[in-house]
Amino acid sequence: MRIAEVSRNTLETQISVSINLDGAGVSKFSTGLAFLDHMLDQIARHGMMDISVQAKGDLHIDAHHTVEDIGITLGQAFAKAIGDKKGICRYGHAYVPLDEALSRVVLDLSGRPGLEFGVEFTRARIGDFDVDLIHEFFQGFVNHAQLTLHIDNLRGDNAHHQAETIFKAFGRALRMAVQADARMAGIMPSTKGAL
């Protein structure tokens, strides 16, 4: 099974993450940010990955360091769990609707970090959560998981729905990309011979 645990300790945050890419969608989160916990749960559930995130951060300042560092640490754990990538599908994509909102996520476990983030939220905050931090989460993840990620919210009037469709689609796209491809068993899915 593809499992990893990673910890990150700085003067701003203390974070522990565990991930099982072949799990059942079981999650356990304690970040101090209820909305982020709800979004991380979407990745676990729709990605069919077991994910645990325990985080303490300088939330008395704001949530930026905590959200970014969770993205970084989860990305590191993902990269460690996926291993050499032989025999996987490599690419993943998903469209997810939620009422009036619709988002598309397309990704490539390319070994190269790249984020295209086409999201215009209809308001700046969801409860007390700053929506700018969603980009920071994904940037941290992309940089450390070493993948190419395109996120587009195609429509939506409700910012919560916009965010939730993004995280659900991300989970489903990851699930597709990490799946074993029987025809590629033991083969690197790249003409370069490495990802």
N, C-alpha and C. Protein backbone atom coordinates (compact mmCIF):
# COMPACT_ATOMS: atom_id res chain seq x y z
N MET A 1 0.84 -1.19 0.00
CA MET A 1 0.00 0.00 0.00
C MET A 1 0.88 1.25 0.00
N ARG A 2 0.39 2.30 -0.65
CA ARG A 2 1.16 3.53 -0.79
C ARG A 2 0.79 4.47 0.35
N ILE A 3 1.63 4.47 1.37
CA ILE A 3 1.38 5.19 2.61
C ILE A 3 2.58 6.07 2.93
N ALA A 4 2.33 7.26 3.50
CA ALA A 4 3.43 8.12 3.92
C ALA A 4 3.00 8.97 5.11
N GLU A 5 3.99 9.34 5.91
CA GLU A 5 3.79 10.29 7.00
C GLU A 5 4.89 11.34 6.91
N VAL A 6 4.48 12.60 7.08
CA VAL A 6 5.43 13.71 7.02
C VAL A 6 5.08 14.72 8.10
N SER A 7 6.10 15.27 8.74
CA SER A 7 5.91 16.35 9.72
C SER A 7 6.69 17.57 9.27
N ARG A 8 6.14 18.73 9.58
CA ARG A 8 6.80 20.00 9.28
C ARG A 8 6.69 20.88 10.51
N ASN A 9 7.83 21.31 11.03
CA ASN A 9 7.84 22.14 12.23
C ASN A 9 8.65 23.40 11.96
N THR A 10 7.98 24.54 12.07
CA THR A 10 8.64 25.84 11.91
C THR A 10 8.25 26.72 13.10
N LEU A 11 8.74 27.93 13.10
CA LEU A 11 8.36 28.87 14.15
C LEU A 11 6.91 29.32 13.99
N GLU A 12 6.33 29.07 12.79
CA GLU A 12 4.95 29.49 12.52
C GLU A 12 3.93 28.37 12.65
N THR A 13 4.34 27.14 12.32
CA THR A 13 3.40 26.02 12.31
C THR A 13 4.06 24.72 12.75
N GLN A 14 3.24 23.82 13.27
CA GLN A 14 3.66 22.44 13.55
C GLN A 14 2.58 21.54 12.91
N ILE A 15 2.98 20.78 11.92
CA ILE A 15 2.01 20.02 11.12
C ILE A 15 2.47 18.58 10.96
N SER A 16 1.53 17.65 11.14
CA SER A 16 1.77 16.23 10.89
C SER A 16 0.69 15.74 9.93
N VAL A 17 1.13 15.04 8.89
CA VAL A 17 0.22 14.54 7.86
C VAL A 17 0.50 13.07 7.62
N SER A 18 -0.55 12.29 7.48
CA SER A 18 -0.41 10.91 7.00
C SER A 18 -1.40 10.73 5.86
N ILE A 19 -1.00 9.90 4.89
CA ILE A 19 -1.85 9.65 3.72
C ILE A 19 -1.70 8.21 3.26
N ASN A 20 -2.80 7.64 2.86
CA ASN A 20 -2.84 6.31 2.26
C ASN A 20 -3.58 6.45 0.94
N LEU A 21 -2.85 6.37 -0.16
CA LEU A 21 -3.45 6.58 -1.48
C LEU A 21 -4.43 5.48 -1.86
N ASP A 22 -4.35 4.35 -1.19
CA ASP A 22 -5.23 3.22 -1.49
C ASP A 22 -6.23 2.98 -0.37
N GLY A 23 -6.68 4.06 0.23
CA GLY A 23 -7.57 3.97 1.38
C GLY A 23 -9.04 3.89 1.01
N ALA A 24 -9.88 4.28 1.97
CA ALA A 24 -11.32 4.19 1.81
C ALA A 24 -12.01 5.54 2.00
N GLY A 25 -11.22 6.63 1.95
CA GLY A 25 -11.80 7.95 2.12
C GLY A 25 -11.97 8.35 3.58
N VAL A 26 -11.23 7.71 4.47
CA VAL A 26 -11.32 8.00 5.90
C VAL A 26 -10.45 9.23 6.20
N SER A 27 -10.98 10.15 6.99
CA SER A 27 -10.23 11.37 7.26
C SER A 27 -10.28 11.74 8.73
N LYS A 28 -9.22 12.45 9.15
CA LYS A 28 -9.16 12.98 10.51
C LYS A 28 -8.39 14.29 10.44
N PHE A 29 -9.07 15.38 10.78
CA PHE A 29 -8.46 16.69 10.65
C PHE A 29 -8.61 17.49 11.93
N SER A 30 -7.55 18.19 12.27
CA SER A 30 -7.58 19.14 13.37
C SER A 30 -6.62 20.26 13.00
N THR A 31 -7.15 21.28 12.33
CA THR A 31 -6.30 22.37 11.84
C THR A 31 -6.59 23.69 12.53
N GLY A 32 -7.69 23.76 13.27
CA GLY A 32 -8.11 25.02 13.83
C GLY A 32 -8.91 25.85 12.87
N LEU A 33 -9.13 25.32 11.65
CA LEU A 33 -9.86 26.02 10.59
C LEU A 33 -10.96 25.09 10.08
N ALA A 34 -12.15 25.26 10.60
CA ALA A 34 -13.25 24.33 10.31
C ALA A 34 -13.55 24.25 8.82
N PHE A 35 -13.51 25.37 8.12
CA PHE A 35 -13.82 25.34 6.69
C PHE A 35 -12.75 24.55 5.93
N LEU A 36 -11.49 24.74 6.29
CA LEU A 36 -10.42 23.98 5.64
C LEU A 36 -10.58 22.49 5.92
N ASP A 37 -10.92 22.13 7.16
CA ASP A 37 -11.16 20.72 7.48
C ASP A 37 -12.24 20.14 6.56
N HIS A 38 -13.30 20.93 6.34
CA HIS A 38 -14.40 20.49 5.47
C HIS A 38 -13.91 20.28 4.04
N MET A 39 -13.03 21.15 3.55
CA MET A 39 -12.51 21.02 2.19
C MET A 39 -11.54 19.84 2.08
N LEU A 40 -10.68 19.66 3.09
CA LEU A 40 -9.76 18.52 3.07
C LEU A 40 -10.53 17.20 3.09
N ASP A 41 -11.67 17.20 3.78
CA ASP A 41 -12.51 16.01 3.82
C ASP A 41 -13.02 15.66 2.43
N GLN A 42 -13.25 16.68 1.60
CA GLN A 42 -13.69 16.42 0.22
C GLN A 42 -12.61 15.69 -0.57
N ILE A 43 -11.35 16.11 -0.37
CA ILE A 43 -10.24 15.43 -1.07
C ILE A 43 -10.18 13.97 -0.66
N ALA A 44 -10.24 13.71 0.63
CA ALA A 44 -10.16 12.33 1.13
C ALA A 44 -11.33 11.49 0.61
N ARG A 45 -12.53 12.00 0.78
CA ARG A 45 -13.73 11.22 0.44
C ARG A 45 -13.83 10.95 -1.05
N HIS A 46 -13.63 11.98 -1.86
CA HIS A 46 -13.79 11.81 -3.30
C HIS A 46 -12.54 11.24 -3.96
N GLY A 47 -11.39 11.37 -3.28
CA GLY A 47 -10.17 10.75 -3.78
C GLY A 47 -9.99 9.33 -3.30
N MET A 48 -10.87 8.88 -2.39
CA MET A 48 -10.75 7.54 -1.79
C MET A 48 -9.36 7.33 -1.21
N MET A 49 -8.90 8.36 -0.49
CA MET A 49 -7.62 8.32 0.19
C MET A 49 -7.87 8.53 1.68
N ASP A 50 -7.13 7.84 2.51
CA ASP A 50 -7.18 8.10 3.95
C ASP A 50 -6.18 9.22 4.23
N ILE A 51 -6.67 10.31 4.82
CA ILE A 51 -5.81 11.46 5.10
C ILE A 51 -6.03 11.93 6.53
N SER A 52 -4.92 12.16 7.22
CA SER A 52 -4.96 12.75 8.55
C SER A 52 -4.07 13.98 8.54
N VAL A 53 -4.60 15.09 9.06
CA VAL A 53 -3.82 16.33 9.19
C VAL A 53 -4.03 16.89 10.59
N GLN A 54 -2.94 16.99 11.33
CA GLN A 54 -2.95 17.63 12.65
C GLN A 54 -2.07 18.87 12.54
N ALA A 55 -2.65 20.04 12.82
CA ALA A 55 -1.90 21.28 12.63
C ALA A 55 -2.15 22.26 13.75
N LYS A 56 -1.06 22.92 14.15
CA LYS A 56 -1.14 24.06 15.06
C LYS A 56 -0.36 25.17 14.39
N GLY A 57 -0.99 26.33 14.29
CA GLY A 57 -0.32 27.45 13.63
C GLY A 57 -0.61 28.77 14.31
N ASP A 58 0.01 29.80 13.80
CA ASP A 58 -0.12 31.13 14.37
C ASP A 58 -1.42 31.80 13.89
N LEU A 59 -2.53 31.17 14.24
CA LEU A 59 -3.84 31.68 13.81
C LEU A 59 -4.18 33.02 14.45
N HIS A 60 -3.47 33.39 15.52
CA HIS A 60 -3.69 34.71 16.12
C HIS A 60 -3.24 35.82 15.18
N ILE A 61 -2.37 35.49 14.22
CA ILE A 61 -1.96 36.46 13.20
C ILE A 61 -2.98 36.42 12.06
N ASP A 62 -3.04 35.30 11.38
CA ASP A 62 -4.10 34.97 10.42
C ASP A 62 -3.87 33.52 10.00
N ALA A 63 -4.65 33.05 9.04
CA ALA A 63 -4.60 31.63 8.67
C ALA A 63 -3.60 31.32 7.57
N HIS A 64 -2.91 32.34 7.04
CA HIS A 64 -2.07 32.14 5.86
C HIS A 64 -1.00 31.08 6.06
N HIS A 65 -0.19 31.21 7.10
CA HIS A 65 0.91 30.26 7.30
C HIS A 65 0.39 28.83 7.49
N THR A 66 -0.69 28.69 8.22
CA THR A 66 -1.24 27.36 8.49
C THR A 66 -1.74 26.71 7.21
N VAL A 67 -2.52 27.44 6.43
CA VAL A 67 -3.08 26.87 5.20
C VAL A 67 -1.97 26.53 4.21
N GLU A 68 -1.05 27.45 4.00
CA GLU A 68 0.05 27.20 3.06
C GLU A 68 0.89 26.01 3.50
N ASP A 69 1.22 25.95 4.78
CA ASP A 69 2.08 24.87 5.27
C ASP A 69 1.37 23.52 5.25
N ILE A 70 0.06 23.51 5.42
CA ILE A 70 -0.69 22.26 5.25
C ILE A 70 -0.59 21.81 3.80
N GLY A 71 -0.74 22.73 2.86
CA GLY A 71 -0.58 22.38 1.45
C GLY A 71 0.79 21.81 1.16
N ILE A 72 1.82 22.45 1.71
CA ILE A 72 3.20 21.98 1.52
C ILE A 72 3.37 20.57 2.08
N THR A 73 2.94 20.37 3.31
CA THR A 73 3.16 19.09 3.99
C THR A 73 2.35 17.97 3.35
N LEU A 74 1.11 18.26 2.97
CA LEU A 74 0.30 17.26 2.28
C LEU A 74 0.92 16.92 0.93
N GLY A 75 1.46 17.92 0.24
CA GLY A 75 2.15 17.67 -1.03
C GLY A 75 3.37 16.79 -0.85
N GLN A 76 4.14 17.03 0.21
CA GLN A 76 5.32 16.19 0.49
C GLN A 76 4.91 14.75 0.78
N ALA A 77 3.84 14.60 1.56
CA ALA A 77 3.37 13.25 1.89
C ALA A 77 2.87 12.53 0.63
N PHE A 78 2.16 13.25 -0.22
CA PHE A 78 1.67 12.67 -1.47
C PHE A 78 2.84 12.20 -2.33
N ALA A 79 3.85 13.05 -2.49
CA ALA A 79 5.01 12.69 -3.31
C ALA A 79 5.73 11.46 -2.76
N LYS A 80 5.83 11.38 -1.45
CA LYS A 80 6.47 10.23 -0.82
C LYS A 80 5.64 8.96 -1.03
N ALA A 81 4.31 9.07 -0.90
CA ALA A 81 3.44 7.91 -1.03
C ALA A 81 3.36 7.38 -2.46
N ILE A 82 3.41 8.26 -3.44
CA ILE A 82 3.22 7.83 -4.84
C ILE A 82 4.44 7.07 -5.36
N GLY A 83 5.60 7.31 -4.75
CA GLY A 83 6.79 6.54 -5.12
C GLY A 83 7.30 6.87 -6.51
N ASP A 84 7.74 5.84 -7.25
CA ASP A 84 8.37 6.08 -8.55
C ASP A 84 7.38 6.27 -9.69
N LYS A 85 6.11 6.10 -9.43
CA LYS A 85 5.01 6.35 -10.39
C LYS A 85 4.89 5.30 -11.51
N LYS A 86 5.66 4.24 -11.43
CA LYS A 86 5.53 3.20 -12.45
C LYS A 86 4.15 2.56 -12.39
N GLY A 87 3.56 2.38 -13.55
CA GLY A 87 2.29 1.66 -13.65
C GLY A 87 1.04 2.45 -13.31
N ILE A 88 1.17 3.77 -13.05
CA ILE A 88 -0.02 4.56 -12.74
C ILE A 88 -0.59 5.21 -14.00
N CYS A 89 -1.81 5.70 -13.89
CA CYS A 89 -2.44 6.38 -15.02
C CYS A 89 -1.77 7.71 -15.34
N ARG A 90 -1.26 8.39 -14.34
CA ARG A 90 -0.52 9.65 -14.42
C ARG A 90 -1.43 10.87 -14.57
N TYR A 91 -2.40 10.82 -15.46
CA TYR A 91 -3.28 11.96 -15.70
C TYR A 91 -4.63 11.76 -15.01
N GLY A 92 -5.23 12.86 -14.58
CA GLY A 92 -6.55 12.78 -13.99
C GLY A 92 -7.35 14.04 -14.30
N HIS A 93 -8.66 13.89 -14.36
CA HIS A 93 -9.53 15.04 -14.61
C HIS A 93 -10.90 14.77 -14.02
N ALA A 94 -11.59 15.84 -13.70
CA ALA A 94 -12.95 15.70 -13.17
C ALA A 94 -13.70 17.02 -13.32
N TYR A 95 -14.97 16.88 -13.64
CA TYR A 95 -15.93 17.98 -13.56
C TYR A 95 -16.85 17.67 -12.39
N VAL A 96 -17.08 18.64 -11.54
CA VAL A 96 -17.98 18.42 -10.40
C VAL A 96 -18.95 19.61 -10.27
N PRO A 97 -20.25 19.32 -10.26
CA PRO A 97 -21.24 20.38 -10.01
C PRO A 97 -21.70 20.35 -8.55
N LEU A 98 -22.17 21.46 -8.08
CA LEU A 98 -22.89 21.55 -6.82
C LEU A 98 -23.91 22.67 -7.00
N ASP A 99 -25.15 22.29 -7.18
CA ASP A 99 -26.21 23.24 -7.48
C ASP A 99 -25.79 24.10 -8.67
N GLU A 100 -25.64 25.41 -8.49
CA GLU A 100 -25.35 26.30 -9.62
C GLU A 100 -23.86 26.34 -9.99
N ALA A 101 -23.00 25.79 -9.14
CA ALA A 101 -21.55 25.87 -9.35
C ALA A 101 -21.04 24.65 -10.12
N LEU A 102 -20.01 24.88 -10.93
CA LEU A 102 -19.39 23.81 -11.71
C LEU A 102 -17.90 24.10 -11.81
N SER A 103 -17.08 23.12 -11.46
CA SER A 103 -15.63 23.28 -11.55
C SER A 103 -15.01 22.10 -12.30
N ARG A 104 -13.87 22.42 -12.94
CA ARG A 104 -13.09 21.40 -13.68
C ARG A 104 -11.67 21.41 -13.13
N VAL A 105 -11.15 20.22 -12.86
CA VAL A 105 -9.76 20.06 -12.43
C VAL A 105 -9.09 19.04 -13.35
N VAL A 106 -7.93 19.40 -13.87
CA VAL A 106 -7.15 18.52 -14.73
C VAL A 106 -5.73 18.52 -14.20
N LEU A 107 -5.13 17.33 -14.06
CA LEU A 107 -3.78 17.29 -13.50
C LEU A 107 -2.93 16.21 -14.15
N ASP A 108 -1.62 16.41 -14.00
CA ASP A 108 -0.61 15.51 -14.54
C ASP A 108 0.46 15.33 -13.47
N LEU A 109 0.69 14.09 -13.07
CA LEU A 109 1.74 13.80 -12.08
C LEU A 109 3.08 13.81 -12.81
N SER A 110 3.43 14.98 -13.30
CA SER A 110 4.50 15.18 -14.27
C SER A 110 5.90 15.24 -13.67
N GLY A 111 6.00 15.47 -12.36
CA GLY A 111 7.30 15.72 -11.76
C GLY A 111 7.72 17.17 -11.89
N ARG A 112 6.84 18.00 -12.46
CA ARG A 112 7.11 19.43 -12.63
C ARG A 112 5.98 20.23 -12.00
N PRO A 113 6.30 21.17 -11.11
CA PRO A 113 5.23 21.96 -10.49
C PRO A 113 4.70 23.03 -11.42
N GLY A 114 3.39 23.10 -11.51
CA GLY A 114 2.75 24.15 -12.29
C GLY A 114 1.30 24.27 -11.88
N LEU A 115 0.85 25.50 -11.60
CA LEU A 115 -0.53 25.72 -11.20
C LEU A 115 -1.15 26.81 -12.06
N GLU A 116 -2.28 26.48 -12.67
CA GLU A 116 -3.13 27.46 -13.34
C GLU A 116 -4.43 27.49 -12.56
N PHE A 117 -4.77 28.65 -12.02
CA PHE A 117 -5.88 28.77 -11.08
C PHE A 117 -6.88 29.79 -11.63
N GLY A 118 -7.89 29.28 -12.32
CA GLY A 118 -8.89 30.15 -12.94
C GLY A 118 -10.17 30.21 -12.11
N VAL A 119 -10.10 30.91 -10.98
CA VAL A 119 -11.24 30.98 -10.07
C VAL A 119 -11.46 32.43 -9.66
N GLU A 120 -12.66 32.92 -9.88
CA GLU A 120 -13.05 34.23 -9.39
C GLU A 120 -14.19 34.03 -8.39
N PHE A 121 -13.84 34.04 -7.13
CA PHE A 121 -14.84 33.83 -6.09
C PHE A 121 -15.80 35.01 -6.03
N THR A 122 -17.04 34.72 -5.72
CA THR A 122 -18.07 35.75 -5.70
C THR A 122 -18.02 36.61 -4.44
N ARG A 123 -17.26 36.18 -3.44
CA ARG A 123 -17.02 37.02 -2.27
C ARG A 123 -15.66 36.67 -1.68
N ALA A 124 -15.16 37.53 -0.84
CA ALA A 124 -13.79 37.41 -0.33
C ALA A 124 -13.65 36.44 0.83
N ARG A 125 -14.75 36.15 1.52
CA ARG A 125 -14.69 35.27 2.69
C ARG A 125 -15.84 34.28 2.66
N ILE A 126 -15.53 33.07 3.13
CA ILE A 126 -16.56 32.06 3.38
C ILE A 126 -16.57 31.87 4.88
N GLY A 127 -17.58 32.41 5.54
CA GLY A 127 -17.53 32.52 6.99
C GLY A 127 -16.38 33.43 7.35
N ASP A 128 -15.43 32.94 8.14
CA ASP A 128 -14.25 33.75 8.46
C ASP A 128 -13.01 33.28 7.70
N PHE A 129 -13.22 32.46 6.67
CA PHE A 129 -12.09 31.92 5.89
C PHE A 129 -11.85 32.79 4.65
N ASP A 130 -10.63 33.29 4.49
CA ASP A 130 -10.23 34.12 3.36
C ASP A 130 -10.04 33.24 2.13
N VAL A 131 -10.83 33.49 1.07
CA VAL A 131 -10.77 32.61 -0.11
C VAL A 131 -9.43 32.68 -0.83
N ASP A 132 -8.64 33.75 -0.65
CA ASP A 132 -7.31 33.81 -1.26
C ASP A 132 -6.43 32.65 -0.80
N LEU A 133 -6.72 32.12 0.38
CA LEU A 133 -5.89 31.04 0.92
C LEU A 133 -6.08 29.72 0.18
N ILE A 134 -7.16 29.59 -0.57
CA ILE A 134 -7.36 28.37 -1.36
C ILE A 134 -6.26 28.26 -2.42
N HIS A 135 -5.95 29.36 -3.07
CA HIS A 135 -4.84 29.37 -4.03
C HIS A 135 -3.54 29.02 -3.32
N GLU A 136 -3.31 29.57 -2.12
CA GLU A 136 -2.07 29.30 -1.38
C GLU A 136 -1.95 27.82 -1.02
N PHE A 137 -3.06 27.20 -0.66
CA PHE A 137 -3.05 25.77 -0.36
C PHE A 137 -2.60 24.97 -1.58
N PHE A 138 -3.24 25.24 -2.72
CA PHE A 138 -2.92 24.47 -3.92
C PHE A 138 -1.50 24.77 -4.42
N GLN A 139 -1.04 26.01 -4.28
CA GLN A 139 0.34 26.32 -4.69
C GLN A 139 1.34 25.54 -3.84
N GLY A 140 1.11 25.49 -2.55
CA GLY A 140 1.98 24.71 -1.68
C GLY A 140 1.97 23.24 -2.05
N PHE A 141 0.78 22.70 -2.29
CA PHE A 141 0.66 21.28 -2.67
C PHE A 141 1.41 21.00 -3.97
N VAL A 142 1.14 21.80 -4.98
CA VAL A 142 1.74 21.61 -6.31
C VAL A 142 3.27 21.66 -6.24
N ASN A 143 3.79 22.64 -5.53
CA ASN A 143 5.24 22.81 -5.46
C ASN A 143 5.94 21.60 -4.85
N HIS A 144 5.28 20.93 -3.91
CA HIS A 144 5.93 19.84 -3.19
C HIS A 144 5.49 18.45 -3.66
N ALA A 145 4.32 18.34 -4.28
CA ALA A 145 3.91 17.07 -4.87
C ALA A 145 4.48 16.94 -6.28
N GLN A 146 4.96 18.05 -6.83
CA GLN A 146 5.57 18.07 -8.16
C GLN A 146 4.57 17.60 -9.23
N LEU A 147 3.46 18.34 -9.33
CA LEU A 147 2.49 18.02 -10.37
C LEU A 147 2.02 19.28 -11.07
N THR A 148 1.46 19.09 -12.25
CA THR A 148 0.84 20.17 -13.01
C THR A 148 -0.65 20.13 -12.73
N LEU A 149 -1.21 21.27 -12.34
CA LEU A 149 -2.60 21.32 -11.90
C LEU A 149 -3.32 22.51 -12.52
N HIS A 150 -4.41 22.23 -13.21
CA HIS A 150 -5.27 23.28 -13.77
C HIS A 150 -6.61 23.21 -13.05
N ILE A 151 -6.98 24.32 -12.43
CA ILE A 151 -8.25 24.42 -11.71
C ILE A 151 -9.06 25.55 -12.33
N ASP A 152 -10.28 25.24 -12.77
CA ASP A 152 -11.16 26.26 -13.33
C ASP A 152 -12.55 26.14 -12.73
N ASN A 153 -13.03 27.22 -12.15
CA ASN A 153 -14.43 27.28 -11.75
C ASN A 153 -15.17 27.86 -12.95
N LEU A 154 -16.01 27.05 -13.56
CA LEU A 154 -16.68 27.44 -14.80
C LEU A 154 -17.89 28.32 -14.56
N ARG A 155 -18.54 28.13 -13.40
CA ARG A 155 -19.66 28.99 -13.02
C ARG A 155 -19.96 28.79 -11.55
N GLY A 156 -20.65 29.75 -10.99
CA GLY A 156 -21.05 29.65 -9.60
C GLY A 156 -21.37 31.02 -9.02
N ASP A 157 -22.41 31.06 -8.19
CA ASP A 157 -22.81 32.30 -7.52
C ASP A 157 -22.50 32.26 -6.03
N ASN A 158 -22.39 31.05 -5.48
CA ASN A 158 -22.17 30.87 -4.05
C ASN A 158 -20.72 30.45 -3.84
N ALA A 159 -19.96 31.25 -3.09
CA ALA A 159 -18.53 31.00 -2.92
C ALA A 159 -18.25 29.65 -2.25
N HIS A 160 -19.11 29.25 -1.31
CA HIS A 160 -18.94 27.94 -0.67
C HIS A 160 -19.09 26.83 -1.72
N HIS A 161 -20.08 26.94 -2.57
CA HIS A 161 -20.27 25.95 -3.63
C HIS A 161 -19.09 25.95 -4.59
N GLN A 162 -18.59 27.13 -4.94
CA GLN A 162 -17.42 27.20 -5.82
C GLN A 162 -16.25 26.44 -5.22
N ALA A 163 -15.95 26.72 -3.95
CA ALA A 163 -14.82 26.06 -3.29
C ALA A 163 -15.03 24.56 -3.19
N GLU A 164 -16.22 24.16 -2.81
CA GLU A 164 -16.46 22.73 -2.60
C GLU A 164 -16.34 21.95 -3.90
N THR A 165 -16.81 22.52 -5.02
CA THR A 165 -16.66 21.82 -6.30
C THR A 165 -15.19 21.68 -6.69
N ILE A 166 -14.39 22.69 -6.36
CA ILE A 166 -12.95 22.63 -6.65
C ILE A 166 -12.29 21.48 -5.89
N PHE A 167 -12.54 21.40 -4.59
CA PHE A 167 -11.89 20.38 -3.78
C PHE A 167 -12.39 18.98 -4.11
N LYS A 168 -13.69 18.85 -4.39
CA LYS A 168 -14.21 17.54 -4.80
C LYS A 168 -13.60 17.10 -6.12
N ALA A 169 -13.53 18.01 -7.09
CA ALA A 169 -12.96 17.67 -8.39
C ALA A 169 -11.48 17.34 -8.26
N PHE A 170 -10.78 18.05 -7.39
CA PHE A 170 -9.37 17.77 -7.16
C PHE A 170 -9.18 16.35 -6.60
N GLY A 171 -10.00 15.98 -5.64
CA GLY A 171 -9.94 14.63 -5.09
C GLY A 171 -10.19 13.57 -6.14
N ARG A 172 -11.21 13.78 -6.97
CA ARG A 172 -11.54 12.80 -8.00
C ARG A 172 -10.45 12.71 -9.07
N ALA A 173 -9.86 13.85 -9.43
CA ALA A 173 -8.79 13.84 -10.43
C ALA A 173 -7.54 13.13 -9.88
N LEU A 174 -7.23 13.36 -8.61
CA LEU A 174 -6.11 12.64 -7.99
C LEU A 174 -6.36 11.14 -7.99
N ARG A 175 -7.58 10.79 -7.64
CA ARG A 175 -7.94 9.35 -7.60
C ARG A 175 -7.71 8.70 -8.96
N MET A 176 -8.10 9.38 -10.03
CA MET A 176 -7.90 8.84 -11.37
C MET A 176 -6.41 8.72 -11.70
N ALA A 177 -5.64 9.74 -11.37
CA ALA A 177 -4.23 9.78 -11.76
C ALA A 177 -3.38 8.73 -11.04
N VAL A 178 -3.71 8.43 -9.78
CA VAL A 178 -2.88 7.48 -9.01
C VAL A 178 -3.29 6.03 -9.23
N GLN A 179 -4.40 5.81 -9.93
CA GLN A 179 -4.86 4.44 -10.16
C GLN A 179 -3.84 3.65 -10.97
N ALA A 180 -3.76 2.37 -10.68
CA ALA A 180 -2.91 1.48 -11.46
C ALA A 180 -3.54 1.25 -12.83
N ASP A 181 -2.69 1.29 -13.85
CA ASP A 181 -3.10 0.99 -15.22
C ASP A 181 -2.51 -0.38 -15.56
N ALA A 182 -3.36 -1.38 -15.66
CA ALA A 182 -2.90 -2.77 -15.86
C ALA A 182 -2.01 -2.90 -17.10
N ARG A 183 -2.28 -2.11 -18.11
CA ARG A 183 -1.48 -2.19 -19.34
C ARG A 183 -0.11 -1.53 -19.18
N MET A 184 0.05 -0.73 -18.10
CA MET A 184 1.33 -0.05 -17.86
C MET A 184 2.09 -0.67 -16.69
N ALA A 185 1.69 -1.86 -16.26
CA ALA A 185 2.30 -2.49 -15.08
C ALA A 185 3.82 -2.50 -15.18
N GLY A 186 4.46 -1.86 -14.19
CA GLY A 186 5.91 -1.82 -14.15
C GLY A 186 6.55 -0.85 -15.12
N ILE A 187 5.73 -0.13 -15.89
CA ILE A 187 6.26 0.77 -16.92
C ILE A 187 6.10 2.21 -16.46
N MET A 188 7.12 3.02 -16.70
CA MET A 188 7.06 4.44 -16.40
C MET A 188 6.18 5.13 -17.45
N PRO A 189 5.13 5.84 -17.04
CA PRO A 189 4.24 6.48 -18.02
C PRO A 189 4.83 7.78 -18.58
N SER A 190 6.02 7.65 -19.17
CA SER A 190 6.70 8.81 -19.77
C SER A 190 7.75 8.31 -20.74
N THR A 191 7.87 8.99 -21.88
CA THR A 191 8.91 8.62 -22.84
C THR A 191 10.29 9.02 -22.34
N LYS A 192 10.35 9.86 -21.31
CA LYS A 192 11.63 10.24 -20.71
C LYS A 192 12.21 9.12 -19.86
N GLY A 193 11.33 8.22 -19.39
CA GLY A 193 11.76 7.15 -18.51
C GLY A 193 11.79 7.55 -17.06
N ALA A 194 11.34 8.77 -16.75
CA ALA A 194 11.31 9.26 -15.37
C ALA A 194 10.26 10.36 -15.26
N LEU A 195 9.66 10.46 -14.07
CA LEU A 195 8.72 11.54 -13.77
C LEU A 195 9.15 12.20 -12.47
